[in-house]
C-alpha atoms as a PDB file:
ATOM      1  CA  UNK A   1      -0.053  -0.269  -0.112  1.00  0.00           C
ATOM      2  CA  UNK A   2       1.465   3.587  -0.704  1.00  0.00           C
ATOM      3  CA  UNK A   3       2.684   5.510   1.952  1.00  0.00           C
ATOM      4  CA  UNK A   4      -0.060   8.201   1.571  1.00  0.00           C
ATOM      5  CA  UNK A   5      -2.907   5.800   2.183  1.00  0.00           C
ATOM      6  CA  UNK A   6      -1.385   3.775   5.294  1.00  0.00           C
ATOM      7  CA  UNK A   7      -3.755   6.167   7.415  1.00  0.00           C
ATOM      8  CA  UNK A   8      -6.588   4.318   5.675  1.00  0.00           C
ATOM      9  CA  UNK A   9      -5.603   0.875   6.962  1.00  0.00           C
ATOM     10  CA  UNK A  10      -8.489   0.476   9.275  1.00  0.00           C
ATOM     11  CA  UNK A  11     -11.241  -2.343   9.029  1.00  0.00           C
ATOM     12  CA  UNK A  12     -14.082   0.054   9.510  1.00  0.00           C
ATOM     13  CA  UNK A  13     -15.964   1.053   6.638  1.00  0.00           C
ATOM     14  CA  UNK A  14     -15.708   4.910   5.389  1.00  0.00           C
ATOM     15  CA  UNK A  15     -18.508   6.668   3.928  1.00  0.00           C
ATOM     16  CA  UNK A  16     -17.990   9.124   1.016  1.00  0.00           C
ATOM     17  CA  UNK A  17     -19.629  11.858  -0.535  1.00  0.00           C
ATOM     18  CA  UNK A  18     -18.581  12.615  -4.382  1.00  0.00           C
ATOM     19  CA  UNK A  19     -19.656  15.460  -6.850  1.00  0.00           C
ATOM     20  CA  UNK A  20     -17.833  15.502 -10.212  1.00  0.00           C
ATOM     21  CA  UNK A  21     -18.136  17.741 -13.376  1.00  0.00           C
ATOM     22  CA  UNK A  22     -21.788  18.053 -12.435  1.00  0.00           C
ATOM     23  CA  UNK A  23     -22.587  14.387 -12.142  1.00  0.00           C
ATOM     24  CA  UNK A  24     -24.936  14.053  -9.234  1.00  0.00           C
ATOM     25  CA  UNK A  25     -23.655  13.414  -5.656  1.00  0.00           C
ATOM     26  CA  UNK A  26     -22.722   9.933  -4.973  1.00  0.00           C
ATOM     27  CA  UNK A  27     -23.013   8.694  -1.342  1.00  0.00           C
ATOM     28  CA  UNK A  28     -21.379   5.461  -0.859  1.00  0.00           C
ATOM     29  CA  UNK A  29     -19.786   3.203   2.089  1.00  0.00           C
ATOM     30  CA  UNK A  30     -16.621   1.824   1.502  1.00  0.00           C
ATOM     31  CA  UNK A  31     -13.872  -0.080   2.811  1.00  0.00           C
ATOM     32  CA  UNK A  32     -10.313   1.370   2.403  1.00  0.00           C
ATOM     33  CA  UNK A  33      -9.235  -1.254  -0.032  1.00  0.00           C
ATOM     34  CA  UNK A  34     -12.277  -0.401  -2.393  1.00  0.00           C
ATOM     35  CA  UNK A  35     -11.627   3.237  -2.084  1.00  0.00           C
ATOM     36  CA  UNK A  36      -8.040   2.902  -3.085  1.00  0.00           C
ATOM     37  CA  UNK A  37      -8.864   0.908  -5.907  1.00  0.00           C
ATOM     38  CA  UNK A  38     -11.840   3.151  -7.096  1.00  0.00           C
ATOM     39  CA  UNK A  39      -9.360   6.328  -6.602  1.00  0.00           C
ATOM     40  CA  UNK A  40      -6.784   4.429  -8.765  1.00  0.00           C
ATOM     41  CA  UNK A  41      -9.572   3.739 -11.465  1.00  0.00           C
ATOM     42  CA  UNK A  42     -10.279   7.385 -11.507  1.00  0.00           C
ATOM     43  CA  UNK A  43      -6.599   8.390 -11.691  1.00  0.00           C
ATOM     44  CA  UNK A  44      -6.205   5.800 -14.798  1.00  0.00           C
ATOM     45  CA  UNK A  45      -9.355   7.478 -16.587  1.00  0.00           C
ATOM     46  CA  UNK A  46      -8.358  10.765 -16.052  1.00  0.00           C
ATOM     47  CA  UNK A  47      -4.918  10.225 -17.120  1.00  0.00           C
ATOM     48  CA  UNK A  48      -5.539   7.986 -20.277  1.00  0.00           C
ATOM     49  CA  UNK A  49      -9.098   8.206 -21.535  1.00  0.00           C
ATOM     50  CA  UNK A  50     -10.517  11.761 -20.614  1.00  0.00           C
ATOM     51  CA  UNK A  51      -9.354  14.667 -23.159  1.00  0.00           C
ATOM     52  CA  UNK A  52      -8.610  17.999 -21.760  1.00  0.00           C
ATOM     53  CA  UNK A  53      -9.120  21.241 -23.153  1.00  0.00           C
ATOM     54  CA  UNK A  54      -6.214  23.074 -21.798  1.00  0.00           C
ATOM     55  CA  UNK A  55      -4.139  20.088 -23.634  1.00  0.00           C
ATOM     56  CA  UNK A  56      -5.837  21.022 -27.111  1.00  0.00           C
ATOM     57  CA  UNK A  57      -8.058  18.183 -26.235  1.00  0.00           C
ATOM     58  CA  UNK A  58      -5.740  15.338 -25.961  1.00  0.00           C
ATOM     59  CA  UNK A  59      -4.949  12.895 -22.722  1.00  0.00           C
ATOM     60  CA  UNK A  60      -2.221  13.804 -20.186  1.00  0.00           C
ATOM     61  CA  UNK A  61      -0.908  10.537 -21.272  1.00  0.00           C
ATOM     62  CA  UNK A  62      -0.616  11.804 -25.228  1.00  0.00           C
ATOM     63  CA  UNK A  63       1.426  14.579 -24.003  1.00  0.00           C
ATOM     64  CA  UNK A  64       3.305  12.813 -21.470  1.00  0.00           C
ATOM     65  CA  UNK A  65       4.749  10.337 -24.335  1.00  0.00           C
ATOM     66  CA  UNK A  66       4.829  12.529 -27.119  1.00  0.00           C
ATOM     67  CA  UNK A  67       1.619  11.333 -29.007  1.00  0.00           C
ATOM     68  CA  UNK A  68      -0.088  14.623 -29.009  1.00  0.00           C
ATOM     69  CA  UNK A  69       2.085  16.489 -31.987  1.00  0.00           C
ATOM     70  CA  UNK A  70       0.967  13.349 -34.166  1.00  0.00           C
ATOM     71  CA  UNK A  71      -2.442  13.316 -32.901  1.00  0.00           C
ATOM     72  CA  UNK A  72      -2.705  17.072 -33.724  1.00  0.00           C
ATOM     73  CA  UNK A  73      -1.258  16.663 -37.066  1.00  0.00           C
ATOM     74  CA  UNK A  74      -3.586  14.015 -38.025  1.00  0.00           C
ATOM     75  CA  UNK A  75      -6.815  16.204 -36.970  1.00  0.00           C
ATOM     76  CA  UNK A  76      -5.765  19.009 -38.628  1.00  0.00           C
ATOM     77  CA  UNK A  77      -4.977  16.579 -42.148  1.00  0.00           C
ATOM     78  CA  UNK A  78      -8.912  15.588 -41.400  1.00  0.00           C
ATOM     79  CA  UNK A  79     -10.109  19.077 -41.060  1.00  0.00           C
ATOM     80  CA  UNK A  80      -8.468  19.903 -44.577  1.00  0.00           C
ATOM     81  CA  UNK A  81     -10.107  16.970 -46.337  1.00  0.00           C
ATOM     82  CA  UNK A  82     -13.387  17.594 -44.884  1.00  0.00           C
ATOM     83  CA  UNK A  83     -13.254  21.293 -45.859  1.00  0.00           C
ATOM     84  CA  UNK A  84     -12.119  20.395 -49.311  1.00  0.00           C
ATOM     85  CA  UNK A  85     -14.468  17.719 -49.924  1.00  0.00           C
ATOM     86  CA  UNK A  86     -17.468  20.298 -48.559  1.00  0.00           C
ATOM     87  CA  UNK A  87     -16.255  23.016 -50.986  1.00  0.00           C
ATOM     88  CA  UNK A  88     -15.961  20.621 -53.637  1.00  0.00           C
ATOM     89  CA  UNK A  89     -19.836  19.422 -53.137  1.00  0.00           C
ATOM     90  CA  UNK A  90     -21.020  22.705 -52.429  1.00  0.00           C
ATOM     91  CA  UNK A  91     -19.770  23.725 -55.968  1.00  0.00           C
ATOM     92  CA  UNK A  92     -21.997  21.113 -57.664  1.00  0.00           C
ATOM     93  CA  UNK A  93     -19.379  18.438 -58.619  1.00  0.00           C
ATOM     94  CA  UNK A  94     -19.607  14.883 -57.319  1.00  0.00           C
ATOM     95  CA  UNK A  95     -17.373  13.582 -54.728  1.00  0.00           C
ATOM     96  CA  UNK A  96     -14.912  11.026 -56.055  1.00  0.00           C
ATOM     97  CA  UNK A  97     -14.061   7.700 -54.198  1.00  0.00           C
ATOM     98  CA  UNK A  98     -10.215   8.699 -52.838  1.00  0.00           C
ATOM     99  CA  UNK A  99      -8.705   7.369 -50.193  1.00  0.00           C
ATOM    100  CA  UNK A 100     -10.633   8.949 -47.017  1.00  0.00           C
ATOM    101  CA  UNK A 101      -8.887   9.586 -43.504  1.00  0.00           C
ATOM    102  CA  UNK A 102     -11.280   8.100 -41.179  1.00  0.00           C
ATOM    103  CA  UNK A 103     -11.818   9.864 -37.585  1.00  0.00           C
ATOM    104  CA  UNK A 104     -11.458   6.405 -35.743  1.00  0.00           C
ATOM    105  CA  UNK A 105      -7.722   6.151 -37.589  1.00  0.00           C
ATOM    106  CA  UNK A 106      -6.191   9.255 -35.894  1.00  0.00           C
ATOM    107  CA  UNK A 107      -6.073   7.588 -32.315  1.00  0.00           C
ATOM    108  CA  UNK A 108      -4.800   4.402 -33.979  1.00  0.00           C
ATOM    109  CA  UNK A 109      -1.835   5.840 -35.941  1.00  0.00           C
ATOM    110  CA  UNK A 110      -0.150   6.996 -33.144  1.00  0.00           C
ATOM    111  CA  UNK A 111      -0.604   3.801 -30.773  1.00  0.00           C
END
């Protein structure tokens, strides 16, 4: 157990009340081991899945591992392709069958 959680090594349940980003308040009684596990799951979600607006909508893990530049470049390519196709379509031309960048491929290309 990490040193920061040593004070939680009691066997008595701990009552918690949590509110995060506008979600309704959750009240729960947990043992310290459950709290430690849930905090770990939240930290993993926060760092590896949740995009942060202040980080140009990439995860902290993407920034830490240097993947954010590739993700942002792929987004720019997708945006340029989308704007070009929209302009072409709005001018009355038929859209061709050229190779398209799939948005789901943006994250795949950097992992």
